[in-house]
Amino acid sequence: MDALRRNSAKIERSQLYFIRLDEQGEKQYAGDPYCTICSKMALDVRIGEFVLWHEQGICVYDTKEYNARSFRFFPK
């Protein structure tokens, strides 16, 4: 949100990198796309891609794909 306020022109088509940290600050795999709030906000400000660290390696998702996957994450 700070980047949006300060440099919104630089956000369009940018990449957002995501990993998890455990209680000791150690890196953990990101897991599947699940945050619909994040994905909708990223679409609104035109972030280009989400980059997640998975067990099989780094995965890059187009923001539209990440958004669709995040909505499929939760059972109906």
PDB file of N, CA and C in Angstrom:
ATOM      1  N   MET A   1       0.832  -1.189   0.000  1.00  0.00           N
ATOM      2  CA  MET A   1       0.000   0.000   0.000  1.00  0.00           C
ATOM      3  C   MET A   1       0.877   1.255   0.000  1.00  0.00           C
ATOM      4  N   ASP A   2       2.006   1.176   0.682  1.00  0.00           N
ATOM      5  CA  ASP A   2       2.912   2.318   0.705  1.00  0.00           C
ATOM      6  C   ASP A   2       3.450   2.608  -0.698  1.00  0.00           C
ATOM      7  N   ALA A   3       3.805   1.554  -1.420  1.00  0.00           N
ATOM      8  CA  ALA A   3       4.306   1.743  -2.792  1.00  0.00           C
ATOM      9  C   ALA A   3       3.226   2.352  -3.680  1.00  0.00           C
ATOM     10  N   LEU A   4       1.999   1.968  -3.464  1.00  0.00           N
ATOM     11  CA  LEU A   4       0.899   2.532  -4.242  1.00  0.00           C
ATOM     12  C   LEU A   4       0.780   4.028  -3.989  1.00  0.00           C
ATOM     13  N   ARG A   5       0.909   4.438  -2.742  1.00  0.00           N
ATOM     14  CA  ARG A   5       0.818   5.862  -2.401  1.00  0.00           C
ATOM     15  C   ARG A   5       2.017   6.647  -2.929  1.00  0.00           C
ATOM     16  N   ARG A   6       3.197   6.069  -2.832  1.00  0.00           N
ATOM     17  CA  ARG A   6       4.426   6.806  -3.153  1.00  0.00           C
ATOM     18  C   ARG A   6       4.847   6.733  -4.624  1.00  0.00           C
ATOM     19  N   ASN A   7       4.649   5.579  -5.259  1.00  0.00           N
ATOM     20  CA  ASN A   7       5.146   5.377  -6.628  1.00  0.00           C
ATOM     21  C   ASN A   7       4.180   4.536  -7.451  1.00  0.00           C
ATOM     22  N   SER A   8       2.947   4.935  -7.522  1.00  0.00           N
ATOM     23  CA  SER A   8       1.945   4.103  -8.189  1.00  0.00           C
ATOM     24  C   SER A   8       2.286   3.825  -9.648  1.00  0.00           C
ATOM     25  N   ALA A   9       2.953   4.735 -10.327  1.00  0.00           N
ATOM     26  CA  ALA A   9       3.303   4.519 -11.736  1.00  0.00           C
ATOM     27  C   ALA A   9       4.292   3.368 -11.903  1.00  0.00           C
ATOM     28  N   LYS A  10       5.074   3.062 -10.885  1.00  0.00           N
ATOM     29  CA  LYS A  10       6.067   1.991 -10.970  1.00  0.00           C
ATOM     30  C   LYS A  10       5.491   0.616 -10.636  1.00  0.00           C
ATOM     31  N   ILE A  11       4.267   0.555 -10.172  1.00  0.00           N
ATOM     32  CA  ILE A  11       3.658  -0.715  -9.773  1.00  0.00           C
ATOM     33  C   ILE A  11       3.132  -1.494 -10.966  1.00  0.00           C
ATOM     34  N   GLU A  12       2.615  -0.805 -11.956  1.00  0.00           N
ATOM     35  CA  GLU A  12       2.001  -1.486 -13.093  1.00  0.00           C
ATOM     36  C   GLU A  12       2.985  -2.458 -13.730  1.00  0.00           C
ATOM     37  N   ARG A  13       2.521  -3.699 -13.911  1.00  0.00           N
ATOM     38  CA  ARG A  13       3.280  -4.810 -14.497  1.00  0.00           C
ATOM     39  C   ARG A  13       4.471  -5.254 -13.633  1.00  0.00           C
ATOM     40  N   SER A  14       4.500  -4.880 -12.374  1.00  0.00           N
ATOM     41  CA  SER A  14       5.582  -5.307 -11.481  1.00  0.00           C
ATOM     42  C   SER A  14       5.351  -6.749 -11.027  1.00  0.00           C
ATOM     43  N   GLN A  15       6.326  -7.310 -10.314  1.00  0.00           N
ATOM     44  CA  GLN A  15       6.215  -8.641  -9.743  1.00  0.00           C
ATOM     45  C   GLN A  15       6.133  -8.538  -8.233  1.00  0.00           C
ATOM     46  N   LEU A  16       5.268  -9.346  -7.641  1.00  0.00           N
ATOM     47  CA  LEU A  16       5.138  -9.421  -6.196  1.00  0.00           C
ATOM     48  C   LEU A  16       5.680 -10.782  -5.767  1.00  0.00           C
ATOM     49  N   TYR A  17       6.699 -10.781  -4.908  1.00  0.00           N
ATOM     50  CA  TYR A  17       7.334 -12.014  -4.427  1.00  0.00           C
ATOM     51  C   TYR A  17       6.766 -12.373  -3.063  1.00  0.00           C
ATOM     52  N   PHE A  18       6.474 -13.680  -2.865  1.00  0.00           N
ATOM     53  CA  PHE A  18       5.871 -14.112  -1.611  1.00  0.00           C
ATOM     54  C   PHE A  18       6.484 -15.424  -1.141  1.00  0.00           C
ATOM     55  N   ILE A  19       6.935 -15.449   0.118  1.00  0.00           N
ATOM     56  CA  ILE A  19       7.301 -16.678   0.822  1.00  0.00           C
ATOM     57  C   ILE A  19       6.743 -16.551   2.238  1.00  0.00           C
ATOM     58  N   ARG A  20       6.755 -17.625   2.950  1.00  0.00           N
ATOM     59  CA  ARG A  20       6.331 -17.622   4.362  1.00  0.00           C
ATOM     60  C   ARG A  20       7.566 -17.700   5.246  1.00  0.00           C
ATOM     61  N   LEU A  21       7.434 -17.208   6.452  1.00  0.00           N
ATOM     62  CA  LEU A  21       8.470 -17.364   7.476  1.00  0.00           C
ATOM     63  C   LEU A  21       7.840 -18.045   8.677  1.00  0.00           C
ATOM     64  N   ASP A  22       8.573 -18.984   9.281  1.00  0.00           N
ATOM     65  CA  ASP A  22       8.067 -19.617  10.494  1.00  0.00           C
ATOM     66  C   ASP A  22       8.396 -18.748  11.710  1.00  0.00           C
ATOM     67  N   GLU A  23       8.096 -19.242  12.897  1.00  0.00           N
ATOM     68  CA  GLU A  23       8.302 -18.473  14.125  1.00  0.00           C
ATOM     69  C   GLU A  23       9.765 -18.102  14.360  1.00  0.00           C
ATOM     70  N   GLN A  24      10.697 -18.889  13.807  1.00  0.00           N
ATOM     71  CA  GLN A  24      12.122 -18.614  13.960  1.00  0.00           C
ATOM     72  C   GLN A  24      12.673 -17.754  12.815  1.00  0.00           C
ATOM     73  N   GLY A  25      11.817 -17.338  11.902  1.00  0.00           N
ATOM     74  CA  GLY A  25      12.254 -16.524  10.781  1.00  0.00           C
ATOM     75  C   GLY A  25      12.828 -17.324   9.629  1.00  0.00           C
ATOM     76  N   GLU A  26      12.647 -18.645   9.668  1.00  0.00           N
ATOM     77  CA  GLU A  26      13.132 -19.517   8.598  1.00  0.00           C
ATOM     78  C   GLU A  26      12.132 -19.540   7.445  1.00  0.00           C
ATOM     79  N   LYS A  27      12.659 -19.571   6.216  1.00  0.00           N
ATOM     80  CA  LYS A  27      11.801 -19.579   5.030  1.00  0.00           C
ATOM     81  C   LYS A  27      10.997 -20.873   4.938  1.00  0.00           C
ATOM     82  N   GLN A  28       9.749 -20.731   4.549  1.00  0.00           N
ATOM     83  CA  GLN A  28       8.844 -21.845   4.313  1.00  0.00           C
ATOM     84  C   GLN A  28       8.235 -21.688   2.920  1.00  0.00           C
ATOM     85  N   TYR A  29       7.787 -22.778   2.323  1.00  0.00           N
ATOM     86  CA  TYR A  29       7.151 -22.685   1.021  1.00  0.00           C
ATOM     87  C   TYR A  29       5.882 -21.841   1.110  1.00  0.00           C
ATOM     88  N   ALA A  30       5.566 -21.163   0.032  1.00  0.00           N
ATOM     89  CA  ALA A  30       4.440 -20.240   0.014  1.00  0.00           C
ATOM     90  C   ALA A  30       3.090 -20.944   0.058  1.00  0.00           C
ATOM     91  N   GLY A  31       3.007 -22.127  -0.508  1.00  0.00           N
ATOM     92  CA  GLY A  31       1.720 -22.800  -0.607  1.00  0.00           C
ATOM     93  C   GLY A  31       0.962 -22.311  -1.832  1.00  0.00           C
ATOM     94  N   ASP A  32      -0.208 -22.873  -2.051  1.00  0.00           N
ATOM     95  CA  ASP A  32      -1.016 -22.505  -3.205  1.00  0.00           C
ATOM     96  C   ASP A  32      -1.580 -21.101  -3.057  1.00  0.00           C
ATOM     97  N   PRO A  33      -1.877 -20.444  -4.191  1.00  0.00           N
ATOM     98  CA  PRO A  33      -2.544 -19.140  -4.126  1.00  0.00           C
ATOM     99  C   PRO A  33      -3.867 -19.280  -3.373  1.00  0.00           C
ATOM    100  N   TYR A  34      -4.094 -18.432  -2.387  1.00  0.00           N
ATOM    101  CA  TYR A  34      -5.304 -18.563  -1.582  1.00  0.00           C
ATOM    102  C   TYR A  34      -5.908 -17.220  -1.178  1.00  0.00           C
ATOM    103  N   CYS A  35      -5.153 -16.145  -1.223  1.00  0.00           N
ATOM    104  CA  CYS A  35      -5.641 -14.882  -0.661  1.00  0.00           C
ATOM    105  C   CYS A  35      -6.395 -14.073  -1.722  1.00  0.00           C
ATOM    106  N   THR A  36      -7.712 -14.133  -1.645  1.00  0.00           N
ATOM    107  CA  THR A  36      -8.530 -13.415  -2.624  1.00  0.00           C
ATOM    108  C   THR A  36      -8.449 -11.904  -2.425  1.00  0.00           C
ATOM    109  N   ILE A  37      -8.207 -11.455  -1.219  1.00  0.00           N
ATOM    110  CA  ILE A  37      -8.059 -10.014  -0.972  1.00  0.00           C
ATOM    111  C   ILE A  37      -6.791  -9.511  -1.666  1.00  0.00           C
ATOM    112  N   CYS A  38      -5.685 -10.243  -1.489  1.00  0.00           N
ATOM    113  CA  CYS A  38      -4.427  -9.864  -2.145  1.00  0.00           C
ATOM    114  C   CYS A  38      -4.568  -9.884  -3.658  1.00  0.00           C
ATOM    115  N   SER A  39      -5.197 -10.929  -4.170  1.00  0.00           N
ATOM    116  CA  SER A  39      -5.292 -11.055  -5.626  1.00  0.00           C
ATOM    117  C   SER A  39      -6.165  -9.956  -6.227  1.00  0.00           C
ATOM    118  N   LYS A  40      -7.251  -9.607  -5.567  1.00  0.00           N
ATOM    119  CA  LYS A  40      -8.117  -8.531  -6.076  1.00  0.00           C
ATOM    120  C   LYS A  40      -7.402  -7.182  -6.011  1.00  0.00           C
ATOM    121  N   MET A  41      -6.693  -6.917  -4.923  1.00  0.00           N
ATOM    122  CA  MET A  41      -5.952  -5.661  -4.813  1.00  0.00           C
ATOM    123  C   MET A  41      -4.870  -5.582  -5.876  1.00  0.00           C
ATOM    124  N   ALA A  42      -4.177  -6.698  -6.128  1.00  0.00           N
ATOM    125  CA  ALA A  42      -3.126  -6.727  -7.145  1.00  0.00           C
ATOM    126  C   ALA A  42      -3.704  -6.460  -8.528  1.00  0.00           C
ATOM    127  N   LEU A  43      -4.869  -7.016  -8.808  1.00  0.00           N
ATOM    128  CA  LEU A  43      -5.527  -6.734 -10.091  1.00  0.00           C
ATOM    129  C   LEU A  43      -5.880  -5.254 -10.202  1.00  0.00           C
ATOM    130  N   ASP A  44      -6.400  -4.696  -9.124  1.00  0.00           N
ATOM    131  CA  ASP A  44      -6.829  -3.296  -9.136  1.00  0.00           C
ATOM    132  C   ASP A  44      -5.683  -2.329  -9.420  1.00  0.00           C
ATOM    133  N   VAL A  45      -4.494  -2.635  -8.907  1.00  0.00           N
ATOM    134  CA  VAL A  45      -3.357  -1.722  -9.104  1.00  0.00           C
ATOM    135  C   VAL A  45      -2.462  -2.175 -10.254  1.00  0.00           C
ATOM    136  N   ARG A  46      -2.864  -3.240 -10.940  1.00  0.00           N
ATOM    137  CA  ARG A  46      -2.207  -3.739 -12.151  1.00  0.00           C
ATOM    138  C   ARG A  46      -0.812  -4.327 -11.918  1.00  0.00           C
ATOM    139  N   ILE A  47      -0.647  -5.004 -10.770  1.00  0.00           N
ATOM    140  CA  ILE A  47       0.579  -5.786 -10.590  1.00  0.00           C
ATOM    141  C   ILE A  47       0.552  -6.881 -11.643  1.00  0.00           C
ATOM    142  N   GLY A  48       1.682  -7.142 -12.269  1.00  0.00           N
ATOM    143  CA  GLY A  48       1.717  -8.073 -13.395  1.00  0.00           C
ATOM    144  C   GLY A  48       1.764  -9.539 -13.011  1.00  0.00           C
ATOM    145  N   GLU A  49       2.576  -9.888 -11.993  1.00  0.00           N
ATOM    146  CA  GLU A  49       2.775 -11.296 -11.663  1.00  0.00           C
ATOM    147  C   GLU A  49       2.996 -11.492 -10.162  1.00  0.00           C
ATOM    148  N   PHE A  50       2.599 -12.663  -9.703  1.00  0.00           N
ATOM    149  CA  PHE A  50       2.921 -13.135  -8.361  1.00  0.00           C
ATOM    150  C   PHE A  50       4.010 -14.188  -8.506  1.00  0.00           C
ATOM    151  N   VAL A  51       5.046 -14.116  -7.684  1.00  0.00           N
ATOM    152  CA  VAL A  51       6.124 -15.098  -7.689  1.00  0.00           C
ATOM    153  C   VAL A  51       6.112 -15.787  -6.331  1.00  0.00           C
ATOM    154  N   LEU A  52       5.873 -17.100  -6.346  1.00  0.00           N
ATOM    155  CA  LEU A  52       5.782 -17.874  -5.116  1.00  0.00           C
ATOM    156  C   LEU A  52       6.849 -18.961  -5.103  1.00  0.00           C
ATOM    157  N   TRP A  53       7.378 -19.256  -3.909  1.00  0.00           N
ATOM    158  CA  TRP A  53       8.351 -20.322  -3.732  1.00  0.00           C
ATOM    159  C   TRP A  53       7.607 -21.577  -3.302  1.00  0.00           C
ATOM    160  N   HIS A  54       7.596 -22.576  -4.171  1.00  0.00           N
ATOM    161  CA  HIS A  54       6.945 -23.862  -3.901  1.00  0.00           C
ATOM    162  C   HIS A  54       8.006 -24.936  -3.709  1.00  0.00           C
ATOM    163  N   GLU A  55       7.573 -26.078  -3.227  1.00  0.00           N
ATOM    164  CA  GLU A  55       8.494 -27.204  -3.036  1.00  0.00           C
ATOM    165  C   GLU A  55       9.192 -27.577  -4.341  1.00  0.00           C
ATOM    166  N   GLN A  56       8.489 -27.488  -5.466  1.00  0.00           N
ATOM    167  CA  GLN A  56       9.076 -27.832  -6.758  1.00  0.00           C
ATOM    168  C   GLN A  56       9.887 -26.690  -7.349  1.00  0.00           C
ATOM    169  N   GLY A  57       9.946 -25.549  -6.674  1.00  0.00           N
ATOM    170  CA  GLY A  57      10.740 -24.416  -7.142  1.00  0.00           C
ATOM    171  C   GLY A  57       9.918 -23.130  -7.215  1.00  0.00           C
ATOM    172  N   ILE A  58      10.466 -22.159  -7.893  1.00  0.00           N
ATOM    173  CA  ILE A  58       9.815 -20.866  -8.049  1.00  0.00           C
ATOM    174  C   ILE A  58       8.724 -20.977  -9.108  1.00  0.00           C
ATOM    175  N   CYS A  59       7.538 -20.481  -8.810  1.00  0.00           N
ATOM    176  CA  CYS A  59       6.424 -20.469  -9.762  1.00  0.00           C
ATOM    177  C   CYS A  59       5.974 -19.027  -9.961  1.00  0.00           C
ATOM    178  N   VAL A  60       5.807 -18.651 -11.215  1.00  0.00           N
ATOM    179  CA  VAL A  60       5.362 -17.304 -11.553  1.00  0.00           C
ATOM    180  C   VAL A  60       3.945 -17.410 -12.103  1.00  0.00           C
ATOM    181  N   TYR A  61       3.044 -16.636 -11.512  1.00  0.00           N
ATOM    182  CA  TYR A  61       1.645 -16.624 -11.928  1.00  0.00           C
ATOM    183  C   TYR A  61       1.296 -15.242 -12.463  1.00  0.00           C
ATOM    184  N   ASP A  62       0.680 -15.193 -13.626  1.00  0.00           N
ATOM    185  CA  ASP A  62       0.063 -13.958 -14.077  1.00  0.00           C
ATOM    186  C   ASP A  62      -0.980 -13.589 -13.023  1.00  0.00           C
ATOM    187  N   THR A  63      -1.167 -12.319 -12.757  1.00  0.00           N
ATOM    188  CA  THR A  63      -2.074 -11.904 -11.682  1.00  0.00           C
ATOM    189  C   THR A  63      -3.500 -12.395 -11.912  1.00  0.00           C
ATOM    190  N   LYS A  64      -3.944 -12.439 -13.151  1.00  0.00           N
ATOM    191  CA  LYS A  64      -5.292 -12.960 -13.429  1.00  0.00           C
ATOM    192  C   LYS A  64      -5.372 -14.439 -13.078  1.00  0.00           C
ATOM    193  N   GLU A  65      -4.325 -15.201 -13.402  1.00  0.00           N
ATOM    194  CA  GLU A  65      -4.288 -16.617 -13.055  1.00  0.00           C
ATOM    195  C   GLU A  65      -4.242 -16.799 -11.537  1.00  0.00           C
ATOM    196  N   TYR A  66      -3.406 -16.011 -10.852  1.00  0.00           N
ATOM    197  CA  TYR A  66      -3.323 -16.084  -9.392  1.00  0.00           C
ATOM    198  C   TYR A  66      -4.693 -15.802  -8.773  1.00  0.00           C
ATOM    199  N   ASN A  67      -5.381 -14.794  -9.280  1.00  0.00           N
ATOM    200  CA  ASN A  67      -6.705 -14.442  -8.780  1.00  0.00           C
ATOM    201  C   ASN A  67      -7.678 -15.609  -8.951  1.00  0.00           C
ATOM    202  N   ALA A  68      -7.704 -16.200 -10.134  1.00  0.00           N
ATOM    203  CA  ALA A  68      -8.603 -17.325 -10.386  1.00  0.00           C
ATOM    204  C   ALA A  68      -8.279 -18.497  -9.463  1.00  0.00           C
ATOM    205  N   ARG A  69      -6.999 -18.805  -9.308  1.00  0.00           N
ATOM    206  CA  ARG A  69      -6.596 -19.907  -8.429  1.00  0.00           C
ATOM    207  C   ARG A  69      -6.953 -19.625  -6.970  1.00  0.00           C
ATOM    208  N   SER A  70      -6.802 -18.385  -6.543  1.00  0.00           N
ATOM    209  CA  SER A  70      -7.111 -18.066  -5.143  1.00  0.00           C
ATOM    210  C   SER A  70      -8.596 -18.252  -4.853  1.00  0.00           C
ATOM    211  N   PHE A  71      -9.452 -17.951  -5.820  1.00  0.00           N
ATOM    212  CA  PHE A  71     -10.897 -18.154  -5.614  1.00  0.00           C
ATOM    213  C   PHE A  71     -11.269 -19.629  -5.645  1.00  0.00           C
ATOM    214  N   ARG A  72     -10.487 -20.475  -6.342  1.00  0.00           N
ATOM    215  CA  ARG A  72     -10.740 -21.915  -6.361  1.00  0.00           C
ATOM    216  C   ARG A  72     -10.197 -22.602  -5.118  1.00  0.00           C
ATOM    217  N   PHE A  73      -9.360 -21.939  -4.350  1.00  0.00           N
ATOM    218  CA  PHE A  73      -8.716 -22.542  -3.180  1.00  0.00           C
ATOM    219  C   PHE A  73      -9.746 -22.963  -2.132  1.00  0.00           C
ATOM    220  N   PHE A  74     -10.743 -22.115  -1.881  1.00  0.00           N
ATOM    221  CA  PHE A  74     -11.720 -22.368  -0.831  1.00  0.00           C
ATOM    222  C   PHE A  74     -12.892 -23.177  -1.369  1.00  0.00           C
ATOM    223  N   PRO A  75     -13.227 -24.286  -0.705  1.00  0.00           N
ATOM    224  CA  PRO A  75     -14.401 -25.068  -1.142  1.00  0.00           C
ATOM    225  C   PRO A  75     -15.676 -24.263  -0.936  1.00  0.00           C
ATOM    226  N   LYS A  76     -16.639 -24.526  -1.785  1.00  0.00           N
ATOM    227  CA  LYS A  76     -17.927 -23.804  -1.694  1.00  0.00           C
ATOM    228  C   LYS A  76     -18.897 -24.536  -0.825  1.00  0.00           C
TER     229      LYS A  76
END
